PDB file of N, CA and C in Angstrom:
ATOM      1  N   UNK A   1      22.877 -60.091  68.700  1.00  0.00           N
ATOM      2  CA  UNK A   1      21.960 -59.044  68.334  1.00  0.00           C
ATOM      3  C   UNK A   1      22.713 -57.737  68.137  1.00  0.00           C
ATOM      4  N   UNK A   2      23.621 -57.451  69.097  1.00  0.00           N
ATOM      5  CA  UNK A   2      24.403 -56.220  69.003  1.00  0.00           C
ATOM      6  C   UNK A   2      25.284 -56.268  67.767  1.00  0.00           C
ATOM      7  N   UNK A   3      25.792 -57.462  67.502  1.00  0.00           N
ATOM      8  CA  UNK A   3      26.654 -57.618  66.339  1.00  0.00           C
ATOM      9  C   UNK A   3      25.864 -57.362  65.056  1.00  0.00           C
ATOM     10  N   UNK A   4      24.644 -57.796  64.985  1.00  0.00           N
ATOM     11  CA  UNK A   4      23.794 -57.576  63.828  1.00  0.00           C
ATOM     12  C   UNK A   4      23.493 -56.095  63.672  1.00  0.00           C
ATOM     13  N   UNK A   5      23.221 -55.411  64.773  1.00  0.00           N
ATOM     14  CA  UNK A   5      22.967 -53.968  64.729  1.00  0.00           C
ATOM     15  C   UNK A   5      24.215 -53.216  64.263  1.00  0.00           C
ATOM     16  N   UNK A   6      25.386 -53.651  64.738  1.00  0.00           N
ATOM     17  CA  UNK A   6      26.631 -53.021  64.323  1.00  0.00           C
ATOM     18  C   UNK A   6      26.851 -53.215  62.824  1.00  0.00           C
ATOM     19  N   UNK A   7      26.539 -54.405  62.304  1.00  0.00           N
ATOM     20  CA  UNK A   7      26.674 -54.668  60.881  1.00  0.00           C
ATOM     21  C   UNK A   7      25.715 -53.805  60.074  1.00  0.00           C
ATOM     22  N   UNK A   8      24.491 -53.661  60.573  1.00  0.00           N
ATOM     23  CA  UNK A   8      23.496 -52.834  59.892  1.00  0.00           C
ATOM     24  C   UNK A   8      23.951 -51.377  59.880  1.00  0.00           C
ATOM     25  N   UNK A   9      24.454 -50.917  61.022  1.00  0.00           N
ATOM     26  CA  UNK A   9      24.929 -49.537  61.125  1.00  0.00           C
ATOM     27  C   UNK A   9      26.105 -49.310  60.177  1.00  0.00           C
ATOM     28  N   UNK A  10      27.031 -50.276  60.103  1.00  0.00           N
ATOM     29  CA  UNK A  10      28.182 -50.162  59.207  1.00  0.00           C
ATOM     30  C   UNK A  10      27.719 -50.145  57.745  1.00  0.00           C
ATOM     31  N   UNK A  11      26.733 -50.975  57.429  1.00  0.00           N
ATOM     32  CA  UNK A  11      26.197 -51.020  56.069  1.00  0.00           C
ATOM     33  C   UNK A  11      25.523 -49.700  55.716  1.00  0.00           C
ATOM     34  N   UNK A  12      24.774 -49.131  56.652  1.00  0.00           N
ATOM     35  CA  UNK A  12      24.122 -47.845  56.435  1.00  0.00           C
ATOM     36  C   UNK A  12      25.165 -46.752  56.197  1.00  0.00           C
ATOM     37  N   UNK A  13      26.274 -46.785  56.966  1.00  0.00           N
ATOM     38  CA  UNK A  13      27.336 -45.792  56.789  1.00  0.00           C
ATOM     39  C   UNK A  13      27.983 -45.944  55.404  1.00  0.00           C
ATOM     40  N   UNK A  14      28.198 -47.203  54.990  1.00  0.00           N
ATOM     41  CA  UNK A  14      28.770 -47.427  53.652  1.00  0.00           C
ATOM     42  C   UNK A  14      27.813 -46.917  52.579  1.00  0.00           C
ATOM     43  N   UNK A  15      26.523 -47.189  52.781  1.00  0.00           N
ATOM     44  CA  UNK A  15      25.522 -46.712  51.822  1.00  0.00           C
ATOM     45  C   UNK A  15      25.501 -45.184  51.771  1.00  0.00           C
ATOM     46  N   UNK A  16      25.580 -44.534  52.927  1.00  0.00           N
ATOM     47  CA  UNK A  16      25.620 -43.070  52.963  1.00  0.00           C
ATOM     48  C   UNK A  16      26.854 -42.541  52.250  1.00  0.00           C
ATOM     49  N   UNK A  17      27.996 -43.195  52.518  1.00  0.00           N
ATOM     50  CA  UNK A  17      29.237 -42.783  51.844  1.00  0.00           C
ATOM     51  C   UNK A  17      29.150 -42.972  50.326  1.00  0.00           C
ATOM     52  N   UNK A  18      28.589 -44.128  49.923  1.00  0.00           N
ATOM     53  CA  UNK A  18      28.406 -44.389  48.498  1.00  0.00           C
ATOM     54  C   UNK A  18      27.453 -43.380  47.866  1.00  0.00           C
ATOM     55  N   UNK A  19      26.370 -43.059  48.576  1.00  0.00           N
ATOM     56  CA  UNK A  19      25.407 -42.086  48.070  1.00  0.00           C
ATOM     57  C   UNK A  19      26.071 -40.723  47.909  1.00  0.00           C
ATOM     58  N   UNK A  20      26.856 -40.301  48.902  1.00  0.00           N
ATOM     59  CA  UNK A  20      27.560 -39.020  48.824  1.00  0.00           C
ATOM     60  C   UNK A  20      28.533 -39.019  47.649  1.00  0.00           C
ATOM     61  N   UNK A  21      29.260 -40.136  47.502  1.00  0.00           N
ATOM     62  CA  UNK A  21      30.226 -40.247  46.400  1.00  0.00           C
ATOM     63  C   UNK A  21      29.518 -40.221  45.048  1.00  0.00           C
ATOM     64  N   UNK A  22      28.395 -40.933  44.945  1.00  0.00           N
ATOM     65  CA  UNK A  22      27.640 -40.948  43.689  1.00  0.00           C
ATOM     66  C   UNK A  22      27.065 -39.578  43.362  1.00  0.00           C
ATOM     67  N   UNK A  23      26.594 -38.872  44.381  1.00  0.00           N
ATOM     68  CA  UNK A  23      26.077 -37.522  44.156  1.00  0.00           C
ATOM     69  C   UNK A  23      27.187 -36.591  43.666  1.00  0.00           C
ATOM     70  N   UNK A  24      28.381 -36.745  44.254  1.00  0.00           N
ATOM     71  CA  UNK A  24      29.517 -35.938  43.833  1.00  0.00           C
ATOM     72  C   UNK A  24      29.872 -36.254  42.375  1.00  0.00           C
ATOM     73  N   UNK A  25      29.920 -37.548  42.026  1.00  0.00           N
ATOM     74  CA  UNK A  25      30.203 -37.953  40.657  1.00  0.00           C
ATOM     75  C   UNK A  25      29.138 -37.432  39.700  1.00  0.00           C
ATOM     76  N   UNK A  26      27.886 -37.493  40.130  1.00  0.00           N
ATOM     77  CA  UNK A  26      26.793 -36.995  39.299  1.00  0.00           C
ATOM     78  C   UNK A  26      26.920 -35.495  39.062  1.00  0.00           C
ATOM     79  N   UNK A  27      27.286 -34.745  40.101  1.00  0.00           N
ATOM     80  CA  UNK A  27      27.492 -33.306  39.954  1.00  0.00           C
ATOM     81  C   UNK A  27      28.644 -33.017  38.997  1.00  0.00           C
ATOM     82  N   UNK A  28      29.733 -33.774  39.120  1.00  0.00           N
ATOM     83  CA  UNK A  28      30.874 -33.597  38.220  1.00  0.00           C
ATOM     84  C   UNK A  28      30.482 -33.931  36.780  1.00  0.00           C
ATOM     85  N   UNK A  29      29.705 -35.011  36.612  1.00  0.00           N
ATOM     86  CA  UNK A  29      29.248 -35.405  35.283  1.00  0.00           C
ATOM     87  C   UNK A  29      28.353 -34.318  34.688  1.00  0.00           C
ATOM     88  N   UNK A  30      27.445 -33.789  35.514  1.00  0.00           N
ATOM     89  CA  UNK A  30      26.549 -32.734  35.050  1.00  0.00           C
ATOM     90  C   UNK A  30      27.347 -31.486  34.661  1.00  0.00           C
ATOM     91  N   UNK A  31      28.341 -31.140  35.469  1.00  0.00           N
ATOM     92  CA  UNK A  31      29.177 -29.972  35.158  1.00  0.00           C
ATOM     93  C   UNK A  31      29.945 -30.194  33.856  1.00  0.00           C
ATOM     94  N   UNK A  32      30.466 -31.405  33.649  1.00  0.00           N
ATOM     95  CA  UNK A  32      31.194 -31.745  32.431  1.00  0.00           C
ATOM     96  C   UNK A  32      30.289 -31.620  31.202  1.00  0.00           C
ATOM     97  N   UNK A  33      29.077 -32.151  31.342  1.00  0.00           N
ATOM     98  CA  UNK A  33      28.124 -32.084  30.229  1.00  0.00           C
ATOM     99  C   UNK A  33      27.694 -30.643  29.961  1.00  0.00           C
ATOM    100  N   UNK A  34      27.532 -29.855  31.007  1.00  0.00           N
ATOM    101  CA  UNK A  34      27.197 -28.436  30.829  1.00  0.00           C
ATOM    102  C   UNK A  34      28.310 -27.719  30.064  1.00  0.00           C
ATOM    103  N   UNK A  35      29.573 -28.043  30.423  1.00  0.00           N
ATOM    104  CA  UNK A  35      30.718 -27.439  29.733  1.00  0.00           C
ATOM    105  C   UNK A  35      30.736 -27.859  28.266  1.00  0.00           C
ATOM    106  N   UNK A  36      30.465 -29.139  27.986  1.00  0.00           N
ATOM    107  CA  UNK A  36      30.411 -29.611  26.607  1.00  0.00           C
ATOM    108  C   UNK A  36      29.295 -28.917  25.837  1.00  0.00           C
ATOM    109  N   UNK A  37      28.148 -28.779  26.478  1.00  0.00           N
ATOM    110  CA  UNK A  37      27.015 -28.101  25.851  1.00  0.00           C
ATOM    111  C   UNK A  37      27.363 -26.650  25.541  1.00  0.00           C
ATOM    112  N   UNK A  38      28.024 -25.995  26.489  1.00  0.00           N
ATOM    113  CA  UNK A  38      28.435 -24.595  26.285  1.00  0.00           C
ATOM    114  C   UNK A  38      29.381 -24.490  25.096  1.00  0.00           C
ATOM    115  N   UNK A  39      30.328 -25.422  24.998  1.00  0.00           N
ATOM    116  CA  UNK A  39      31.256 -25.421  23.859  1.00  0.00           C
ATOM    117  C   UNK A  39      30.506 -25.615  22.539  1.00  0.00           C
ATOM    118  N   UNK A  40      29.558 -26.546  22.531  1.00  0.00           N
ATOM    119  CA  UNK A  40      28.770 -26.779  21.318  1.00  0.00           C
ATOM    120  C   UNK A  40      27.953 -25.546  20.944  1.00  0.00           C
ATOM    121  N   UNK A  41      27.329 -24.935  21.951  1.00  0.00           N
ATOM    122  CA  UNK A  41      26.531 -23.736  21.697  1.00  0.00           C
ATOM    123  C   UNK A  41      27.407 -22.607  21.164  1.00  0.00           C
ATOM    124  N   UNK A  42      28.584 -22.422  21.779  1.00  0.00           N
ATOM    125  CA  UNK A  42      29.493 -21.374  21.319  1.00  0.00           C
ATOM    126  C   UNK A  42      29.961 -21.641  19.893  1.00  0.00           C
ATOM    127  N   UNK A  43      30.252 -22.919  19.610  1.00  0.00           N
ATOM    128  CA  UNK A  43      30.663 -23.287  18.255  1.00  0.00           C
ATOM    129  C   UNK A  43      29.570 -23.019  17.237  1.00  0.00           C
ATOM    130  N   UNK A  44      28.349 -23.403  17.580  1.00  0.00           N
ATOM    131  CA  UNK A  44      27.218 -23.163  16.673  1.00  0.00           C
ATOM    132  C   UNK A  44      26.961 -21.672  16.500  1.00  0.00           C
ATOM    133  N   UNK A  45      27.092 -20.936  17.585  1.00  0.00           N
ATOM    134  CA  UNK A  45      26.884 -19.485  17.505  1.00  0.00           C
ATOM    135  C   UNK A  45      27.933 -18.846  16.598  1.00  0.00           C
ATOM    136  N   UNK A  46      29.184 -19.271  16.739  1.00  0.00           N
ATOM    137  CA  UNK A  46      30.256 -18.745  15.892  1.00  0.00           C
ATOM    138  C   UNK A  46      30.016 -19.118  14.431  1.00  0.00           C
ATOM    139  N   UNK A  47      29.600 -20.365  14.203  1.00  0.00           N
ATOM    140  CA  UNK A  47      29.328 -20.817  12.834  1.00  0.00           C
ATOM    141  C   UNK A  47      28.178 -20.018  12.228  1.00  0.00           C
ATOM    142  N   UNK A  48      27.116 -19.816  13.019  1.00  0.00           N
ATOM    143  CA  UNK A  48      25.979 -19.028  12.545  1.00  0.00           C
ATOM    144  C   UNK A  48      26.407 -17.605  12.208  1.00  0.00           C
ATOM    145  N   UNK A  49      27.264 -17.033  13.051  1.00  0.00           N
ATOM    146  CA  UNK A  49      27.742 -15.671  12.816  1.00  0.00           C
ATOM    147  C   UNK A  49      28.577 -15.606  11.534  1.00  0.00           C
ATOM    148  N   UNK A  50      29.428 -16.626  11.329  1.00  0.00           N
ATOM    149  CA  UNK A  50      30.235 -16.661  10.109  1.00  0.00           C
ATOM    150  C   UNK A  50      29.341 -16.765   8.873  1.00  0.00           C
ATOM    151  N   UNK A  51      28.336 -17.620   8.956  1.00  0.00           N
ATOM    152  CA  UNK A  51      27.413 -17.771   7.828  1.00  0.00           C
ATOM    153  C   UNK A  51      26.649 -16.475   7.586  1.00  0.00           C
ATOM    154  N   UNK A  52      26.236 -15.837   8.663  1.00  0.00           N
ATOM    155  CA  UNK A  52      25.525 -14.571   8.541  1.00  0.00           C
ATOM    156  C   UNK A  52      26.427 -13.507   7.918  1.00  0.00           C
ATOM    157  N   UNK A  53      27.677 -13.454   8.377  1.00  0.00           N
ATOM    158  CA  UNK A  53      28.625 -12.490   7.811  1.00  0.00           C
ATOM    159  C   UNK A  53      28.866 -12.768   6.327  1.00  0.00           C
ATOM    160  N   UNK A  54      28.997 -14.051   5.985  1.00  0.00           N
ATOM    161  CA  UNK A  54      29.221 -14.424   4.586  1.00  0.00           C
ATOM    162  C   UNK A  54      28.016 -14.041   3.733  1.00  0.00           C
ATOM    163  N   UNK A  55      26.816 -14.325   4.235  1.00  0.00           N
ATOM    164  CA  UNK A  55      25.597 -13.967   3.491  1.00  0.00           C
ATOM    165  C   UNK A  55      25.469 -12.455   3.346  1.00  0.00           C
ATOM    166  N   UNK A  56      25.819 -11.745   4.396  1.00  0.00           N
ATOM    167  CA  UNK A  56      25.758 -10.283   4.346  1.00  0.00           C
ATOM    168  C   UNK A  56      26.761  -9.740   3.326  1.00  0.00           C
ATOM    169  N   UNK A  57      27.944 -10.343   3.295  1.00  0.00           N
ATOM    170  CA  UNK A  57      28.962  -9.912   2.336  1.00  0.00           C
ATOM    171  C   UNK A  57      28.498 -10.186   0.908  1.00  0.00           C
ATOM    172  N   UNK A  58      27.896 -11.356   0.693  1.00  0.00           N
ATOM    173  CA  UNK A  58      27.380 -11.702  -0.632  1.00  0.00           C
ATOM    174  C   UNK A  58      26.294 -10.717  -1.049  1.00  0.00           C
ATOM    175  N   UNK A  59      25.393 -10.409  -0.114  1.00  0.00           N
ATOM    176  CA  UNK A  59      24.313  -9.469  -0.412  1.00  0.00           C
ATOM    177  C   UNK A  59      24.870  -8.077  -0.709  1.00  0.00           C
ATOM    178  N   UNK A  60      25.859  -7.650   0.078  1.00  0.00           N
ATOM    179  CA  UNK A  60      26.463  -6.331  -0.146  1.00  0.00           C
ATOM    180  C   UNK A  60      27.149  -6.276  -1.506  1.00  0.00           C
ATOM    181  N   UNK A  61      27.826  -7.357  -1.871  1.00  0.00           N
ATOM    182  CA  UNK A  61      28.490  -7.425  -3.175  1.00  0.00           C
ATOM    183  C   UNK A  61      27.459  -7.369  -4.298  1.00  0.00           C
ATOM    184  N   UNK A  62      26.375  -8.126  -4.131  1.00  0.00           N
ATOM    185  CA  UNK A  62      25.310  -8.133  -5.143  1.00  0.00           C
ATOM    186  C   UNK A  62      24.682  -6.747  -5.273  1.00  0.00           C
ATOM    187  N   UNK A  63      24.444  -6.093  -4.141  1.00  0.00           N
ATOM    188  CA  UNK A  63      23.871  -4.749  -4.188  1.00  0.00           C
ATOM    189  C   UNK A  63      24.822  -3.765  -4.847  1.00  0.00           C
ATOM    190  N   UNK A  64      26.104  -3.879  -4.547  1.00  0.00           N
ATOM    191  CA  UNK A  64      27.093  -2.994  -5.157  1.00  0.00           C
ATOM    192  C   UNK A  64      27.136  -3.199  -6.668  1.00  0.00           C
ATOM    193  N   UNK A  65      27.088  -4.472  -7.098  1.00  0.00           N
ATOM    194  CA  UNK A  65      27.099  -4.760  -8.533  1.00  0.00           C
ATOM    195  C   UNK A  65      25.845  -4.210  -9.190  1.00  0.00           C
ATOM    196  N   UNK A  66      24.698  -4.401  -8.528  1.00  0.00           N
ATOM    197  CA  UNK A  66      23.447  -3.879  -9.080  1.00  0.00           C
ATOM    198  C   UNK A  66      23.504  -2.358  -9.184  1.00  0.00           C
ATOM    199  N   UNK A  67      24.063  -1.719  -8.166  1.00  0.00           N
ATOM    200  CA  UNK A  67      24.198  -0.261  -8.186  1.00  0.00           C
ATOM    201  C   UNK A  67      25.084   0.178  -9.350  1.00  0.00           C
ATOM    202  N   UNK A  68      26.218  -0.517  -9.514  1.00  0.00           N
ATOM    203  CA  UNK A  68      27.122  -0.182 -10.614  1.00  0.00           C
ATOM    204  C   UNK A  68      26.448  -0.395 -11.969  1.00  0.00           C
ATOM    205  N   UNK A  69      25.704  -1.490 -12.082  1.00  0.00           N
ATOM    206  CA  UNK A  69      24.992  -1.771 -13.336  1.00  0.00           C
ATOM    207  C   UNK A  69      23.962  -0.681 -13.626  1.00  0.00           C
ATOM    208  N   UNK A  70      23.211  -0.297 -12.585  1.00  0.00           N
ATOM    209  CA  UNK A  70      22.203   0.750 -12.768  1.00  0.00           C
ATOM    210  C   UNK A  70      22.845   2.087 -13.121  1.00  0.00           C
ATOM    211  N   UNK A  71      23.965   2.405 -12.471  1.00  0.00           N
ATOM    212  CA  UNK A  71      24.660   3.654 -12.788  1.00  0.00           C
ATOM    213  C   UNK A  71      25.192   3.627 -14.218  1.00  0.00           C
ATOM    214  N   UNK A  72      25.726   2.487 -14.645  1.00  0.00           N
ATOM    215  CA  UNK A  72      26.222   2.363 -16.015  1.00  0.00           C
ATOM    216  C   UNK A  72      25.073   2.508 -17.014  1.00  0.00           C
ATOM    217  N   UNK A  73      23.942   1.866 -16.714  1.00  0.00           N
ATOM    218  CA  UNK A  73      22.775   1.965 -17.600  1.00  0.00           C
ATOM    219  C   UNK A  73      22.265   3.400 -17.648  1.00  0.00           C
ATOM    220  N   UNK A  74      22.238   4.061 -16.482  1.00  0.00           N
ATOM    221  CA  UNK A  74      21.783   5.449 -16.440  1.00  0.00           C
ATOM    222  C   UNK A  74      22.727   6.347 -17.222  1.00  0.00           C
ATOM    223  N   UNK A  75      24.009   6.114 -17.106  1.00  0.00           N
ATOM    224  CA  UNK A  75      25.001   6.912 -17.837  1.00  0.00           C
ATOM    225  C   UNK A  75      24.825   6.718 -19.342  1.00  0.00           C
ATOM    226  N   UNK A  76      24.605   5.454 -19.733  1.00  0.00           N
ATOM    227  CA  UNK A  76      24.408   5.157 -21.148  1.00  0.00           C
ATOM    228  C   UNK A  76      23.135   5.832 -21.664  1.00  0.00           C
ATOM    229  N   UNK A  77      22.059   5.720 -20.883  1.00  0.00           N
ATOM    230  CA  UNK A  77      20.790   6.355 -21.274  1.00  0.00           C
ATOM    231  C   UNK A  77      20.950   7.874 -21.370  1.00  0.00           C
ATOM    232  N   UNK A  78      21.656   8.450 -20.423  1.00  0.00           N
ATOM    233  CA  UNK A  78      21.864   9.904 -20.446  1.00  0.00           C
ATOM    234  C   UNK A  78      22.646  10.301 -21.685  1.00  0.00           C
ATOM    235  N   UNK A  79      23.671   9.532 -22.017  1.00  0.00           N
ATOM    236  CA  UNK A  79      24.456   9.827 -23.220  1.00  0.00           C
ATOM    237  C   UNK A  79      23.584   9.714 -24.469  1.00  0.00           C
ATOM    238  N   UNK A  80      22.731   8.685 -24.505  1.00  0.00           N
ATOM    239  CA  UNK A  80      21.832   8.494 -25.645  1.00  0.00           C
ATOM    240  C   UNK A  80      20.864   9.672 -25.757  1.00  0.00           C
ATOM    241  N   UNK A  81      20.266  10.051 -24.629  1.00  0.00           N
ATOM    242  CA  UNK A  81      19.318  11.157 -24.653  1.00  0.00           C
ATOM    243  C   UNK A  81      20.008  12.474 -25.012  1.00  0.00           C
ATOM    244  N   UNK A  82      21.223  12.661 -24.518  1.00  0.00           N
ATOM    245  CA  UNK A  82      21.966  13.885 -24.846  1.00  0.00           C
ATOM    246  C   UNK A  82      22.261  13.936 -26.338  1.00  0.00           C
ATOM    247  N   UNK A  83      22.697  12.802 -26.882  1.00  0.00           N
ATOM    248  CA  UNK A  83      22.979  12.743 -28.315  1.00  0.00           C
ATOM    249  C   UNK A  83      21.717  13.014 -29.123  1.00  0.00           C
ATOM    250  N   UNK A  84      20.631  12.353 -28.772  1.00  0.00           N
ATOM    251  CA  UNK A  84      19.364  12.577 -29.481  1.00  0.00           C
ATOM    252  C   UNK A  84      18.896  14.024 -29.347  1.00  0.00           C
ATOM    253  N   UNK A  85      19.036  14.580 -28.169  1.00  0.00           N
ATOM    254  CA  UNK A  85      18.623  15.973 -27.957  1.00  0.00           C
ATOM    255  C   UNK A  85      19.430  16.903 -28.850  1.00  0.00           C
ATOM    256  N   UNK A  86      20.758  16.699 -28.856  1.00  0.00           N
ATOM    257  CA  UNK A  86      21.610  17.564 -29.672  1.00  0.00           C
ATOM    258  C   UNK A  86      21.291  17.430 -31.154  1.00  0.00           C
ATOM    259  N   UNK A  87      21.081  16.189 -31.606  1.00  0.00           N
ATOM    260  CA  UNK A  87      20.723  15.984 -33.017  1.00  0.00           C
ATOM    261  C   UNK A  87      19.406  16.672 -33.344  1.00  0.00           C
ATOM    262  N   UNK A  88      18.420  16.457 -32.529  1.00  0.00           N
ATOM    263  CA  UNK A  88      17.097  17.038 -32.791  1.00  0.00           C
ATOM    264  C   UNK A  88      17.110  18.551 -32.611  1.00  0.00           C
ATOM    265  N   UNK A  89      17.894  19.002 -31.644  1.00  0.00           N
ATOM    266  CA  UNK A  89      17.987  20.447 -31.417  1.00  0.00           C
ATOM    267  C   UNK A  89      18.568  21.127 -32.656  1.00  0.00           C
ATOM    268  N   UNK A  90      19.625  20.515 -33.214  1.00  0.00           N
ATOM    269  CA  UNK A  90      20.235  21.079 -34.422  1.00  0.00           C
ATOM    270  C   UNK A  90      19.255  21.036 -35.585  1.00  0.00           C
ATOM    271  N   UNK A  91      18.553  19.904 -35.752  1.00  0.00           N
ATOM    272  CA  UNK A  91      17.582  19.772 -36.842  1.00  0.00           C
ATOM    273  C   UNK A  91      16.456  20.792 -36.691  1.00  0.00           C
ATOM    274  N   UNK A  92      15.946  20.919 -35.446  1.00  0.00           N
ATOM    275  CA  UNK A  92      14.850  21.866 -35.207  1.00  0.00           C
ATOM    276  C   UNK A  92      15.333  23.291 -35.425  1.00  0.00           C
ATOM    277  N   UNK A  93      16.528  23.618 -34.915  1.00  0.00           N
ATOM    278  CA  UNK A  93      17.062  24.970 -35.098  1.00  0.00           C
ATOM    279  C   UNK A  93      17.272  25.256 -36.580  1.00  0.00           C
ATOM    280  N   UNK A  94      17.802  24.295 -37.310  1.00  0.00           N
ATOM    281  CA  UNK A  94      18.011  24.457 -38.751  1.00  0.00           C
ATOM    282  C   UNK A  94      16.680  24.617 -39.466  1.00  0.00           C
ATOM    283  N   UNK A  95      15.712  23.781 -39.085  1.00  0.00           N
ATOM    284  CA  UNK A  95      14.377  23.867 -39.697  1.00  0.00           C
ATOM    285  C   UNK A  95      13.746  25.236 -39.437  1.00  0.00           C
ATOM    286  N   UNK A  96      13.844  25.717 -38.195  1.00  0.00           N
ATOM    287  CA  UNK A  96      13.253  27.030 -37.857  1.00  0.00           C
ATOM    288  C   UNK A  96      13.944  28.139 -38.646  1.00  0.00           C
ATOM    289  N   UNK A  97      15.266  28.084 -38.735  1.00  0.00           N
ATOM    290  CA  UNK A  97      16.006  29.111 -39.485  1.00  0.00           C
ATOM    291  C   UNK A  97      15.607  29.079 -40.947  1.00  0.00           C
ATOM    292  N   UNK A  98      15.483  27.887 -41.525  1.00  0.00           N
ATOM    293  CA  UNK A  98      15.080  27.757 -42.920  1.00  0.00           C
ATOM    294  C   UNK A  98      13.674  28.297 -43.139  1.00  0.00           C
ATOM    295  N   UNK A  99      12.754  28.000 -42.231  1.00  0.00           N
ATOM    296  CA  UNK A  99      11.363  28.484 -42.356  1.00  0.00           C
ATOM    297  C   UNK A  99      11.294  30.000 -42.231  1.00  0.00           C
ATOM    298  N   UNK A 100      12.104  30.524 -41.306  1.00  0.00           N
ATOM    299  CA  UNK A 100      12.120  31.978 -41.144  1.00  0.00           C
ATOM    300  C   UNK A 100      12.677  32.616 -42.409  1.00  0.00           C
ATOM    301  N   UNK A 101      13.728  32.033 -42.967  1.00  0.00           N
ATOM    302  CA  UNK A 101      14.308  32.571 -44.184  1.00  0.00           C
ATOM    303  C   UNK A 101      13.351  32.462 -45.338  1.00  0.00           C
ATOM    304  N   UNK A 102      12.604  31.319 -45.407  1.00  0.00           N
ATOM    305  CA  UNK A 102      11.625  31.160 -46.484  1.00  0.00           C
ATOM    306  C   UNK A 102      10.491  32.159 -46.320  1.00  0.00           C
ATOM    307  N   UNK A 103      10.084  32.331 -45.079  1.00  0.00           N
ATOM    308  CA  UNK A 103       8.955  33.223 -44.843  1.00  0.00           C
ATOM    309  C   UNK A 103       9.350  34.678 -44.990  1.00  0.00           C
ATOM    310  N   UNK A 104      10.458  35.088 -44.422  1.00  0.00           N
ATOM    311  CA  UNK A 104      10.824  36.505 -44.406  1.00  0.00           C
ATOM    312  C   UNK A 104      11.987  36.841 -45.318  1.00  0.00           C
ATOM    313  N   UNK A 105      12.556  35.840 -45.919  1.00  0.00           N
ATOM    314  CA  UNK A 105      13.698  36.065 -46.790  1.00  0.00           C
ATOM    315  C   UNK A 105      14.990  36.140 -45.984  1.00  0.00           C
ATOM    316  N   UNK A 106      16.111  36.072 -46.694  1.00  0.00           N
ATOM    317  CA  UNK A 106      17.349  36.079 -45.969  1.00  0.00           C
ATOM    318  C   UNK A 106      17.899  37.438 -45.716  1.00  0.00           C
TER     319      UNK A 106
END
């Protein structure tokens, strides 16, 4: 009977030791997986940041090109309007001078 109790006690101690060892292994496994997850998250975060930076650069380039295009168009329009103004100003001034001369003589 005592021998059976001793065997049971020894088995319980082995089970306790195994349980402690398994818990330790489980904690190590969980820590390893947490580290892997952290690496994956950091990698994804870096990739997202790179994509965001690339998209921002593309948008900035597009905006700069649009700005340059608009400035070029505005410059062209201003030159056109200036030319038209000068032509019409000369024609109107000439017309007024001619009318004054016709009306009042030279």
